[in-house]
Amino acid sequence: MADLMLTRTDLRNRPVDAGAFRAPAGRSRGEDAGALAAVREIIAAVRARGDEALRDLTERFDGCRIDRFRVPDEELDAAPGDMKSVVFV
């Protein structure tokens, strides 16, 4: 199995380009059965439990518990540049 490596793209101080978010990421050269099983488990949880599963997963992976998913309009209005066109693609 090929070594798998996560990469991070720092988008701070860069113009927002909705097309960049749609571009396919690099593909792994092989399949990792453990990763595929984990993804399938996450998808099944979200299908079965919806928003509550998303809250649990956010807490698990990001270390915070969120009450709402929608960004308030006043925060979107205050966002720099043409953020609404990216958020509401």
Protein backbone atom coordinates (compact mmCIF):
# COMPACT_ATOMS: atom_id res chain seq x y z
CA MET A 1 0.00 0.00 0.00
CA ALA A 2 1.28 3.46 -0.87
CA ASP A 3 2.02 5.87 1.94
CA LEU A 4 -0.97 8.13 2.45
CA MET A 5 -0.45 11.72 3.50
CA LEU A 6 -2.98 14.40 4.31
CA THR A 7 -2.19 17.84 2.99
CA ARG A 8 -3.43 21.20 4.17
CA THR A 9 -4.15 24.16 1.93
CA ASP A 10 -3.83 27.53 3.62
CA LEU A 11 -6.39 29.89 2.06
CA ARG A 12 -5.76 32.80 4.39
CA ASN A 13 -5.09 36.12 2.66
CA ARG A 14 -5.99 34.69 -0.74
CA PRO A 15 -8.81 35.75 -3.02
CA VAL A 16 -11.87 33.53 -2.77
CA ASP A 17 -12.28 31.41 -5.90
CA ALA A 18 -15.31 29.12 -5.93
CA GLY A 19 -13.80 27.12 -8.80
CA ALA A 20 -10.82 26.13 -6.67
CA PHE A 21 -13.15 24.39 -4.23
CA ARG A 22 -14.71 22.37 -7.02
CA ALA A 23 -11.41 21.13 -8.46
CA PRO A 24 -10.80 17.47 -7.67
CA ALA A 25 -8.18 16.78 -5.05
CA GLY A 26 -5.29 14.46 -5.81
CA ARG A 27 -6.33 10.83 -5.76
CA SER A 28 -4.68 8.18 -3.68
CA ARG A 29 -2.82 5.51 -5.62
CA GLY A 30 -4.43 2.78 -3.57
CA GLU A 31 -7.40 2.13 -1.40
CA ASP A 32 -7.17 2.05 2.35
CA ALA A 33 -9.82 -0.37 3.64
CA GLY A 34 -9.78 1.25 7.08
CA ALA A 35 -10.38 4.72 5.67
CA LEU A 36 -13.18 3.47 3.43
CA ALA A 37 -14.85 1.72 6.36
CA ALA A 38 -14.59 4.90 8.46
CA VAL A 39 -16.15 7.00 5.71
CA ARG A 40 -18.96 4.50 5.23
CA GLU A 41 -19.62 4.56 8.98
CA ILE A 42 -19.80 8.37 8.97
CA ILE A 43 -22.16 8.44 5.99
CA ALA A 44 -24.42 5.82 7.59
CA ALA A 45 -24.52 7.80 10.85
CA VAL A 46 -25.49 11.02 9.06
CA ARG A 47 -28.15 9.26 7.02
CA ALA A 48 -29.61 7.63 10.13
CA ARG A 49 -29.29 10.50 12.63
CA GLY A 50 -28.95 13.64 10.51
CA ASP A 51 -27.93 16.84 12.26
CA GLU A 52 -27.35 15.12 15.60
CA ALA A 53 -24.74 12.86 13.95
CA LEU A 54 -23.09 15.94 12.41
CA ARG A 55 -22.91 17.55 15.84
CA ASP A 56 -21.37 14.41 17.33
CA LEU A 57 -18.87 14.09 14.48
CA THR A 58 -17.90 17.76 14.72
CA GLU A 59 -17.25 17.29 18.41
CA ARG A 60 -15.25 14.14 17.74
CA PHE A 61 -13.07 15.49 14.94
CA ASP A 62 -12.95 19.22 15.65
CA GLY A 63 -13.20 19.21 19.43
CA CYS A 64 -16.18 21.54 19.67
CA ARG A 65 -19.93 21.14 19.99
CA ILE A 66 -22.06 23.31 17.71
CA ASP A 67 -25.66 24.26 18.21
CA ARG A 68 -26.44 25.58 14.75
CA PHE A 69 -25.02 25.00 11.29
CA ARG A 70 -26.24 28.09 9.51
CA VAL A 71 -23.98 31.13 9.53
CA PRO A 72 -26.08 34.15 10.55
CA ASP A 73 -26.85 36.63 7.76
CA GLU A 74 -25.11 39.45 9.63
CA GLU A 75 -21.87 37.44 9.68
CA LEU A 76 -22.18 36.68 5.97
CA ASP A 77 -22.84 40.36 5.27
CA ALA A 78 -19.69 41.29 7.22
CA ALA A 79 -17.54 38.70 5.38
CA PRO A 80 -14.85 40.11 3.09
CA GLY A 81 -15.20 40.07 -0.66
CA ASP A 82 -17.84 38.12 -2.49
CA MET A 83 -18.24 35.40 0.17
CA LYS A 84 -21.95 34.88 -0.45
CA SER A 85 -21.31 33.65 -3.99
CA VAL A 86 -18.97 30.99 -2.61
CA VAL A 87 -21.12 29.95 0.35
CA PHE A 88 -24.31 29.73 -1.71
CA VAL A 89 -22.82 28.00 -4.76
